[in-house]
């Protein structure tokens, strides 16, 4: 909604890009292209894949340098920054 009101500086889309099947990621790309009315809008999108996404999100809470995408390995750091224990990246 804010995008349509020109009240944005940056639009973030968080999506796993590194796990098969890539259907969700491809659907997002297709919708972005359709929204902009062409087939190449997503050529100008910067993509980050795990663990970069979690590192980017956690960097808003403090300095972090993740070395793996394993949630069990990063769980302690995720909990210390966010208070979320047992993070599994699910809807729950």
PDB file of N, CA and C in Angstrom:
ATOM      1  N   UNK A   1       0.821  -1.189   0.000  1.00  0.00           N
ATOM      2  CA  UNK A   1       0.000   0.000   0.000  1.00  0.00           C
ATOM      3  C   UNK A   1       0.869   1.259   0.000  1.00  0.00           C
ATOM      4  N   UNK A   2       1.889   1.309   0.863  1.00  0.00           N
ATOM      5  CA  UNK A   2       2.764   2.475   0.907  1.00  0.00           C
ATOM      6  C   UNK A   2       3.477   2.672  -0.431  1.00  0.00           C
ATOM      7  N   UNK A   3       3.795   1.561  -1.096  1.00  0.00           N
ATOM      8  CA  UNK A   3       4.457   1.629  -2.402  1.00  0.00           C
ATOM      9  C   UNK A   3       3.594   2.408  -3.388  1.00  0.00           C
ATOM     10  N   UNK A   4       2.300   2.131  -3.363  1.00  0.00           N
ATOM     11  CA  UNK A   4       1.401   2.783  -4.306  1.00  0.00           C
ATOM     12  C   UNK A   4       1.185   4.262  -3.977  1.00  0.00           C
ATOM     13  N   UNK A   5       1.475   4.671  -2.750  1.00  0.00           N
ATOM     14  CA  UNK A   5       1.310   6.065  -2.342  1.00  0.00           C
ATOM     15  C   UNK A   5       2.607   6.858  -2.489  1.00  0.00           C
ATOM     16  N   UNK A   6       3.645   6.243  -3.057  1.00  0.00           N
ATOM     17  CA  UNK A   6       4.952   6.875  -3.190  1.00  0.00           C
ATOM     18  C   UNK A   6       5.534   7.288  -1.842  1.00  0.00           C
ATOM     19  N   UNK A   7       5.303   6.480  -0.821  1.00  0.00           N
ATOM     20  CA  UNK A   7       5.835   6.746   0.520  1.00  0.00           C
ATOM     21  C   UNK A   7       6.887   5.716   0.893  1.00  0.00           C
ATOM     22  N   UNK A   8       7.694   5.345  -0.016  1.00  0.00           N
ATOM     23  CA  UNK A   8       8.673   4.303   0.224  1.00  0.00           C
ATOM     24  C   UNK A   8      10.061   4.804  -0.124  1.00  0.00           C
ATOM     25  N   UNK A   9      11.039   4.225   0.522  1.00  0.00           N
ATOM     26  CA  UNK A   9      12.422   4.439   0.129  1.00  0.00           C
ATOM     27  C   UNK A   9      13.030   3.126  -0.330  1.00  0.00           C
ATOM     28  N   UNK A  10      12.497   2.039   0.202  1.00  0.00           N
ATOM     29  CA  UNK A  10      13.014   0.718  -0.106  1.00  0.00           C
ATOM     30  C   UNK A  10      11.899  -0.290   0.114  1.00  0.00           C
ATOM     31  N   UNK A  11      11.754  -1.214  -0.795  1.00  0.00           N
ATOM     32  CA  UNK A  11      10.776  -2.277  -0.653  1.00  0.00           C
ATOM     33  C   UNK A  11      11.548  -3.567  -0.452  1.00  0.00           C
ATOM     34  N   UNK A  12      11.312  -4.243   0.671  1.00  0.00           N
ATOM     35  CA  UNK A  12      11.996  -5.500   0.968  1.00  0.00           C
ATOM     36  C   UNK A  12      11.045  -6.666   0.776  1.00  0.00           C
ATOM     37  N   UNK A  13      11.515  -7.663   0.097  1.00  0.00           N
ATOM     38  CA  UNK A  13      10.767  -8.904  -0.071  1.00  0.00           C
ATOM     39  C   UNK A  13      11.660 -10.007   0.457  1.00  0.00           C
ATOM     40  N   UNK A  14      11.211 -10.679   1.508  1.00  0.00           N
ATOM     41  CA  UNK A  14      12.006 -11.735   2.123  1.00  0.00           C
ATOM     42  C   UNK A  14      11.465 -13.068   1.640  1.00  0.00           C
ATOM     43  N   UNK A  15      12.302 -13.823   0.964  1.00  0.00           N
ATOM     44  CA  UNK A  15      11.876 -15.087   0.368  1.00  0.00           C
ATOM     45  C   UNK A  15      13.088 -15.992   0.224  1.00  0.00           C
ATOM     46  N   UNK A  16      12.955 -17.254   0.595  1.00  0.00           N
ATOM     47  CA  UNK A  16      14.039 -18.203   0.364  1.00  0.00           C
ATOM     48  C   UNK A  16      14.236 -18.384  -1.131  1.00  0.00           C
ATOM     49  N   UNK A  17      15.464 -18.189  -1.575  1.00  0.00           N
ATOM     50  CA  UNK A  17      15.774 -18.353  -2.993  1.00  0.00           C
ATOM     51  C   UNK A  17      16.663 -19.560  -3.241  1.00  0.00           C
ATOM     52  N   UNK A  18      17.116 -20.176  -2.163  1.00  0.00           N
ATOM     53  CA  UNK A  18      18.140 -21.209  -2.319  1.00  0.00           C
ATOM     54  C   UNK A  18      17.628 -22.625  -2.108  1.00  0.00           C
ATOM     55  N   UNK A  19      16.344 -22.805  -1.985  1.00  0.00           N
ATOM     56  CA  UNK A  19      15.808 -24.147  -1.753  1.00  0.00           C
ATOM     57  C   UNK A  19      14.805 -24.524  -2.833  1.00  0.00           C
ATOM     58  N   UNK A  20      14.915 -25.728  -3.298  1.00  0.00           N
ATOM     59  CA  UNK A  20      13.970 -26.225  -4.303  1.00  0.00           C
ATOM     60  C   UNK A  20      12.702 -26.696  -3.598  1.00  0.00           C
ATOM     61  N   UNK A  21      11.548 -26.666  -4.216  1.00  0.00           N
ATOM     62  CA  UNK A  21      11.356 -26.053  -5.528  1.00  0.00           C
ATOM     63  C   UNK A  21      11.313 -24.540  -5.392  1.00  0.00           C
ATOM     64  N   UNK A  22      11.713 -23.849  -6.395  1.00  0.00           N
ATOM     65  CA  UNK A  22      11.803 -22.397  -6.356  1.00  0.00           C
ATOM     66  C   UNK A  22      10.492 -21.736  -6.783  1.00  0.00           C
ATOM     67  N   UNK A  23       9.396 -22.464  -6.663  1.00  0.00           N
ATOM     68  CA  UNK A  23       8.095 -21.972  -7.143  1.00  0.00           C
ATOM     69  C   UNK A  23       7.690 -20.652  -6.501  1.00  0.00           C
ATOM     70  N   UNK A  24       7.827 -20.541  -5.171  1.00  0.00           N
ATOM     71  CA  UNK A  24       7.428 -19.314  -4.486  1.00  0.00           C
ATOM     72  C   UNK A  24       8.224 -18.120  -4.961  1.00  0.00           C
ATOM     73  N   UNK A  25       9.509 -18.307  -5.099  1.00  0.00           N
ATOM     74  CA  UNK A  25      10.395 -17.238  -5.569  1.00  0.00           C
ATOM     75  C   UNK A  25      10.042 -16.835  -6.995  1.00  0.00           C
ATOM     76  N   UNK A  26       9.802 -17.809  -7.846  1.00  0.00           N
ATOM     77  CA  UNK A  26       9.451 -17.523  -9.241  1.00  0.00           C
ATOM     78  C   UNK A  26       8.098 -16.820  -9.342  1.00  0.00           C
ATOM     79  N   UNK A  27       7.154 -17.192  -8.465  1.00  0.00           N
ATOM     80  CA  UNK A  27       5.843 -16.522  -8.448  1.00  0.00           C
ATOM     81  C   UNK A  27       5.985 -15.052  -8.062  1.00  0.00           C
ATOM     82  N   UNK A  28       6.841 -14.782  -7.076  1.00  0.00           N
ATOM     83  CA  UNK A  28       7.066 -13.397  -6.665  1.00  0.00           C
ATOM     84  C   UNK A  28       7.672 -12.594  -7.815  1.00  0.00           C
ATOM     85  N   UNK A  29       8.655 -13.172  -8.507  1.00  0.00           N
ATOM     86  CA  UNK A  29       9.251 -12.482  -9.649  1.00  0.00           C
ATOM     87  C   UNK A  29       8.200 -12.190 -10.719  1.00  0.00           C
ATOM     88  N   UNK A  30       7.361 -13.164 -11.006  1.00  0.00           N
ATOM     89  CA  UNK A  30       6.326 -12.995 -12.029  1.00  0.00           C
ATOM     90  C   UNK A  30       5.355 -11.875 -11.642  1.00  0.00           C
ATOM     91  N   UNK A  31       4.946 -11.847 -10.368  1.00  0.00           N
ATOM     92  CA  UNK A  31       4.012 -10.813  -9.912  1.00  0.00           C
ATOM     93  C   UNK A  31       4.644  -9.425  -9.964  1.00  0.00           C
ATOM     94  N   UNK A  32       5.924  -9.329  -9.622  1.00  0.00           N
ATOM     95  CA  UNK A  32       6.606  -8.034  -9.710  1.00  0.00           C
ATOM     96  C   UNK A  32       6.657  -7.542 -11.149  1.00  0.00           C
ATOM     97  N   UNK A  33       6.994  -8.432 -12.052  1.00  0.00           N
ATOM     98  CA  UNK A  33       7.029  -8.057 -13.471  1.00  0.00           C
ATOM     99  C   UNK A  33       5.647  -7.637 -13.959  1.00  0.00           C
ATOM    100  N   UNK A  34       4.621  -8.390 -13.578  1.00  0.00           N
ATOM    101  CA  UNK A  34       3.258  -8.048 -13.984  1.00  0.00           C
ATOM    102  C   UNK A  34       2.846  -6.697 -13.409  1.00  0.00           C
ATOM    103  N   UNK A  35       3.196  -6.448 -12.150  1.00  0.00           N
ATOM    104  CA  UNK A  35       2.859  -5.183 -11.495  1.00  0.00           C
ATOM    105  C   UNK A  35       3.460  -4.003 -12.252  1.00  0.00           C
ATOM    106  N   UNK A  36       4.679  -4.180 -12.750  1.00  0.00           N
ATOM    107  CA  UNK A  36       5.354  -3.102 -13.468  1.00  0.00           C
ATOM    108  C   UNK A  36       5.074  -3.126 -14.966  1.00  0.00           C
ATOM    109  N   UNK A  37       4.332  -4.125 -15.427  1.00  0.00           N
ATOM    110  CA  UNK A  37       3.910  -4.164 -16.812  1.00  0.00           C
ATOM    111  C   UNK A  37       4.997  -4.511 -17.809  1.00  0.00           C
ATOM    112  N   UNK A  38       6.000  -5.267 -17.368  1.00  0.00           N
ATOM    113  CA  UNK A  38       7.029  -5.706 -18.310  1.00  0.00           C
ATOM    114  C   UNK A  38       7.654  -7.010 -17.830  1.00  0.00           C
ATOM    115  N   UNK A  39       8.532  -7.556 -18.627  1.00  0.00           N
ATOM    116  CA  UNK A  39       9.146  -8.844 -18.298  1.00  0.00           C
ATOM    117  C   UNK A  39      10.534  -8.725 -17.696  1.00  0.00           C
ATOM    118  N   UNK A  40      10.987  -7.510 -17.410  1.00  0.00           N
ATOM    119  CA  UNK A  40      12.358  -7.361 -16.932  1.00  0.00           C
ATOM    120  C   UNK A  40      12.507  -6.511 -15.665  1.00  0.00           C
ATOM    121  N   UNK A  41      11.419  -6.190 -14.990  1.00  0.00           N
ATOM    122  CA  UNK A  41      11.503  -5.386 -13.767  1.00  0.00           C
ATOM    123  C   UNK A  41      12.375  -6.069 -12.720  1.00  0.00           C
ATOM    124  N   UNK A  42      12.291  -7.381 -12.639  1.00  0.00           N
ATOM    125  CA  UNK A  42      13.058  -8.095 -11.614  1.00  0.00           C
ATOM    126  C   UNK A  42      14.539  -8.194 -11.960  1.00  0.00           C
ATOM    127  N   UNK A  43      14.927  -7.734 -13.140  1.00  0.00           N
ATOM    128  CA  UNK A  43      16.357  -7.668 -13.463  1.00  0.00           C
ATOM    129  C   UNK A  43      17.050  -6.613 -12.608  1.00  0.00           C
ATOM    130  N   UNK A  44      16.272  -5.707 -12.020  1.00  0.00           N
ATOM    131  CA  UNK A  44      16.820  -4.603 -11.240  1.00  0.00           C
ATOM    132  C   UNK A  44      16.623  -4.795  -9.741  1.00  0.00           C
ATOM    133  N   UNK A  45      16.313  -6.014  -9.333  1.00  0.00           N
ATOM    134  CA  UNK A  45      16.104  -6.333  -7.926  1.00  0.00           C
ATOM    135  C   UNK A  45      17.374  -6.976  -7.383  1.00  0.00           C
ATOM    136  N   UNK A  46      17.777  -6.542  -6.197  1.00  0.00           N
ATOM    137  CA  UNK A  46      18.938  -7.124  -5.531  1.00  0.00           C
ATOM    138  C   UNK A  46      18.454  -8.259  -4.643  1.00  0.00           C
ATOM    139  N   UNK A  47      18.987  -9.448  -4.856  1.00  0.00           N
ATOM    140  CA  UNK A  47      18.563 -10.624  -4.100  1.00  0.00           C
ATOM    141  C   UNK A  47      19.623 -11.022  -3.080  1.00  0.00           C
ATOM    142  N   UNK A  48      19.168 -11.374  -1.901  1.00  0.00           N
ATOM    143  CA  UNK A  48      20.037 -11.943  -0.879  1.00  0.00           C
ATOM    144  C   UNK A  48      19.483 -13.321  -0.553  1.00  0.00           C
ATOM    145  N   UNK A  49      20.339 -14.250  -0.333  1.00  0.00           N
ATOM    146  CA  UNK A  49      19.913 -15.587   0.048  1.00  0.00           C
ATOM    147  C   UNK A  49      20.454 -15.884   1.436  1.00  0.00           C
ATOM    148  N   UNK A  50      19.892 -16.878   2.081  1.00  0.00           N
ATOM    149  CA  UNK A  50      20.324 -17.229   3.437  1.00  0.00           C
ATOM    150  C   UNK A  50      21.803 -17.495   3.482  1.00  0.00           C
ATOM    151  N   UNK A  51      22.529 -17.169   4.541  1.00  0.00           N
ATOM    152  CA  UNK A  51      22.046 -16.528   5.773  1.00  0.00           C
ATOM    153  C   UNK A  51      21.975 -15.022   5.689  1.00  0.00           C
ATOM    154  N   UNK A  52      22.168 -14.442   4.524  1.00  0.00           N
ATOM    155  CA  UNK A  52      22.181 -12.977   4.399  1.00  0.00           C
ATOM    156  C   UNK A  52      20.889 -12.331   4.869  1.00  0.00           C
ATOM    157  N   UNK A  53      19.741 -12.942   4.577  1.00  0.00           N
ATOM    158  CA  UNK A  53      18.469 -12.352   4.979  1.00  0.00           C
ATOM    159  C   UNK A  53      18.398 -12.251   6.492  1.00  0.00           C
ATOM    160  N   UNK A  54      18.682 -13.354   7.192  1.00  0.00           N
ATOM    161  CA  UNK A  54      18.621 -13.320   8.651  1.00  0.00           C
ATOM    162  C   UNK A  54      19.649 -12.346   9.197  1.00  0.00           C
ATOM    163  N   UNK A  55      20.824 -12.305   8.604  1.00  0.00           N
ATOM    164  CA  UNK A  55      21.856 -11.374   9.061  1.00  0.00           C
ATOM    165  C   UNK A  55      21.389  -9.930   8.884  1.00  0.00           C
ATOM    166  N   UNK A  56      20.743  -9.641   7.764  1.00  0.00           N
ATOM    167  CA  UNK A  56      20.222  -8.293   7.521  1.00  0.00           C
ATOM    168  C   UNK A  56      19.168  -7.930   8.552  1.00  0.00           C
ATOM    169  N   UNK A  57      18.247  -8.846   8.819  1.00  0.00           N
ATOM    170  CA  UNK A  57      17.192  -8.583   9.799  1.00  0.00           C
ATOM    171  C   UNK A  57      17.792  -8.388  11.185  1.00  0.00           C
ATOM    172  N   UNK A  58      18.695  -9.278  11.598  1.00  0.00           N
ATOM    173  CA  UNK A  58      19.296  -9.178  12.927  1.00  0.00           C
ATOM    174  C   UNK A  58      20.179  -7.942  13.080  1.00  0.00           C
ATOM    175  N   UNK A  59      20.732  -7.445  11.976  1.00  0.00           N
ATOM    176  CA  UNK A  59      21.610  -6.276  12.066  1.00  0.00           C
ATOM    177  C   UNK A  59      20.865  -5.040  12.568  1.00  0.00           C
ATOM    178  N   UNK A  60      19.542  -5.058  12.534  1.00  0.00           N
ATOM    179  CA  UNK A  60      18.767  -3.955  13.090  1.00  0.00           C
ATOM    180  C   UNK A  60      18.783  -3.976  14.614  1.00  0.00           C
ATOM    181  N   UNK A  61      19.174  -5.101  15.197  1.00  0.00           N
ATOM    182  CA  UNK A  61      19.213  -5.238  16.652  1.00  0.00           C
ATOM    183  C   UNK A  61      20.631  -5.078  17.200  1.00  0.00           C
ATOM    184  N   UNK A  62      21.650  -5.249  16.389  1.00  0.00           N
ATOM    185  CA  UNK A  62      23.039  -5.143  16.825  1.00  0.00           C
ATOM    186  C   UNK A  62      23.963  -5.785  15.811  1.00  0.00           C
ATOM    187  N   UNK A  63      25.260  -5.788  16.118  1.00  0.00           N
ATOM    188  CA  UNK A  63      26.243  -6.374  15.201  1.00  0.00           C
ATOM    189  C   UNK A  63      26.110  -7.897  15.194  1.00  0.00           C
ATOM    190  N   UNK A  64      26.068  -8.480  14.013  1.00  0.00           N
ATOM    191  CA  UNK A  64      25.972  -9.932  13.883  1.00  0.00           C
ATOM    192  C   UNK A  64      26.693 -10.365  12.612  1.00  0.00           C
ATOM    193  N   UNK A  65      27.346 -11.497  12.690  1.00  0.00           N
ATOM    194  CA  UNK A  65      27.977 -12.087  11.511  1.00  0.00           C
ATOM    195  C   UNK A  65      27.703 -13.589  11.537  1.00  0.00           C
ATOM    196  N   UNK A  66      26.672 -13.992  10.811  1.00  0.00           N
ATOM    197  CA  UNK A  66      26.310 -15.404  10.762  1.00  0.00           C
ATOM    198  C   UNK A  66      27.256 -16.143   9.833  1.00  0.00           C
ATOM    199  N   UNK A  67      27.571 -17.370  10.177  1.00  0.00           N
ATOM    200  CA  UNK A  67      28.489 -18.163   9.366  1.00  0.00           C
ATOM    201  C   UNK A  67      27.797 -19.357   8.700  1.00  0.00           C
ATOM    202  N   UNK A  68      26.517 -19.529   8.982  1.00  0.00           N
ATOM    203  CA  UNK A  68      25.770 -20.655   8.438  1.00  0.00           C
ATOM    204  C   UNK A  68      24.301 -20.273   8.318  1.00  0.00           C
ATOM    205  N   UNK A  69      23.543 -21.027   7.540  1.00  0.00           N
ATOM    206  CA  UNK A  69      22.101 -20.808   7.479  1.00  0.00           C
ATOM    207  C   UNK A  69      21.353 -21.744   8.414  1.00  0.00           C
ATOM    208  N   UNK A  70      22.076 -22.523   9.202  1.00  0.00           N
ATOM    209  CA  UNK A  70      21.458 -23.465  10.127  1.00  0.00           C
ATOM    210  C   UNK A  70      20.767 -22.733  11.274  1.00  0.00           C
ATOM    211  N   UNK A  71      19.480 -22.941  11.397  1.00  0.00           N
ATOM    212  CA  UNK A  71      18.726 -22.279  12.460  1.00  0.00           C
ATOM    213  C   UNK A  71      19.114 -22.822  13.834  1.00  0.00           C
ATOM    214  N   UNK A  72      19.489 -24.094  13.901  1.00  0.00           N
ATOM    215  CA  UNK A  72      19.904 -24.645  15.194  1.00  0.00           C
ATOM    216  C   UNK A  72      21.230 -24.025  15.645  1.00  0.00           C
ATOM    217  N   UNK A  73      22.119 -23.738  14.712  1.00  0.00           N
ATOM    218  CA  UNK A  73      23.405 -23.109  15.038  1.00  0.00           C
ATOM    219  C   UNK A  73      23.199 -21.639  15.392  1.00  0.00           C
ATOM    220  N   UNK A  74      22.357 -20.947  14.630  1.00  0.00           N
ATOM    221  CA  UNK A  74      22.131 -19.518  14.838  1.00  0.00           C
ATOM    222  C   UNK A  74      21.068 -19.226  15.891  1.00  0.00           C
ATOM    223  N   UNK A  75      20.415 -20.242  16.397  1.00  0.00           N
ATOM    224  CA  UNK A  75      19.296 -20.062  17.317  1.00  0.00           C
ATOM    225  C   UNK A  75      19.607 -19.224  18.533  1.00  0.00           C
ATOM    226  N   UNK A  76      20.777 -19.434  19.136  1.00  0.00           N
ATOM    227  CA  UNK A  76      21.143 -18.662  20.320  1.00  0.00           C
ATOM    228  C   UNK A  76      21.255 -17.179  20.022  1.00  0.00           C
ATOM    229  N   UNK A  77      21.854 -16.858  18.879  1.00  0.00           N
ATOM    230  CA  UNK A  77      22.004 -15.456  18.499  1.00  0.00           C
ATOM    231  C   UNK A  77      20.647 -14.845  18.161  1.00  0.00           C
ATOM    232  N   UNK A  78      19.813 -15.600  17.455  1.00  0.00           N
ATOM    233  CA  UNK A  78      18.473 -15.121  17.112  1.00  0.00           C
ATOM    234  C   UNK A  78      17.688 -14.849  18.392  1.00  0.00           C
ATOM    235  N   UNK A  79      17.770 -15.751  19.350  1.00  0.00           N
ATOM    236  CA  UNK A  79      17.049 -15.577  20.615  1.00  0.00           C
ATOM    237  C   UNK A  79      17.584 -14.383  21.402  1.00  0.00           C
ATOM    238  N   UNK A  80      18.894 -14.213  21.432  1.00  0.00           N
ATOM    239  CA  UNK A  80      19.452 -13.108  22.214  1.00  0.00           C
ATOM    240  C   UNK A  80      19.057 -11.747  21.628  1.00  0.00           C
ATOM    241  N   UNK A  81      18.933 -11.657  20.321  1.00  0.00           N
ATOM    242  CA  UNK A  81      18.565 -10.390  19.693  1.00  0.00           C
ATOM    243  C   UNK A  81      17.058 -10.147  19.688  1.00  0.00           C
ATOM    244  N   UNK A  82      16.263 -11.197  19.499  1.00  0.00           N
ATOM    245  CA  UNK A  82      14.822 -11.013  19.295  1.00  0.00           C
ATOM    246  C   UNK A  82      13.950 -11.553  20.424  1.00  0.00           C
ATOM    247  N   UNK A  83      14.501 -12.439  21.251  1.00  0.00           N
ATOM    248  CA  UNK A  83      13.705 -13.075  22.292  1.00  0.00           C
ATOM    249  C   UNK A  83      12.910 -14.266  21.803  1.00  0.00           C
ATOM    250  N   UNK A  84      13.079 -14.624  20.546  1.00  0.00           N
ATOM    251  CA  UNK A  84      12.364 -15.765  19.966  1.00  0.00           C
ATOM    252  C   UNK A  84      13.210 -17.010  20.151  1.00  0.00           C
ATOM    253  N   UNK A  85      12.688 -17.952  20.930  1.00  0.00           N
ATOM    254  CA  UNK A  85      13.438 -19.198  21.133  1.00  0.00           C
ATOM    255  C   UNK A  85      12.934 -20.267  20.179  1.00  0.00           C
ATOM    256  N   UNK A  86      13.840 -21.132  19.742  1.00  0.00           N
ATOM    257  CA  UNK A  86      13.466 -22.224  18.849  1.00  0.00           C
ATOM    258  C   UNK A  86      13.035 -21.762  17.476  1.00  0.00           C
ATOM    259  N   UNK A  87      13.587 -20.660  16.984  1.00  0.00           N
ATOM    260  CA  UNK A  87      13.187 -20.123  15.671  1.00  0.00           C
ATOM    261  C   UNK A  87      13.412 -21.164  14.568  1.00  0.00           C
ATOM    262  N   UNK A  88      12.383 -21.366  13.730  1.00  0.00           N
ATOM    263  CA  UNK A  88      12.449 -22.339  12.648  1.00  0.00           C
ATOM    264  C   UNK A  88      12.052 -21.775  11.294  1.00  0.00           C
ATOM    265  N   UNK A  89      11.757 -20.483  11.227  1.00  0.00           N
ATOM    266  CA  UNK A  89      11.334 -19.828   9.982  1.00  0.00           C
ATOM    267  C   UNK A  89      10.067 -20.432   9.411  1.00  0.00           C
ATOM    268  N   UNK A  90       9.106 -20.675  10.267  1.00  0.00           N
ATOM    269  CA  UNK A  90       7.806 -21.182   9.821  1.00  0.00           C
ATOM    270  C   UNK A  90       6.735 -20.148  10.162  1.00  0.00           C
ATOM    271  N   UNK A  91       5.547 -20.362   9.691  1.00  0.00           N
ATOM    272  CA  UNK A  91       4.448 -19.430   9.984  1.00  0.00           C
ATOM    273  C   UNK A  91       4.186 -19.334  11.472  1.00  0.00           C
ATOM    274  N   UNK A  92       4.407 -20.426  12.204  1.00  0.00           N
ATOM    275  CA  UNK A  92       4.193 -20.400  13.660  1.00  0.00           C
ATOM    276  C   UNK A  92       5.165 -19.459  14.322  1.00  0.00           C
TER     277      UNK A  92
END
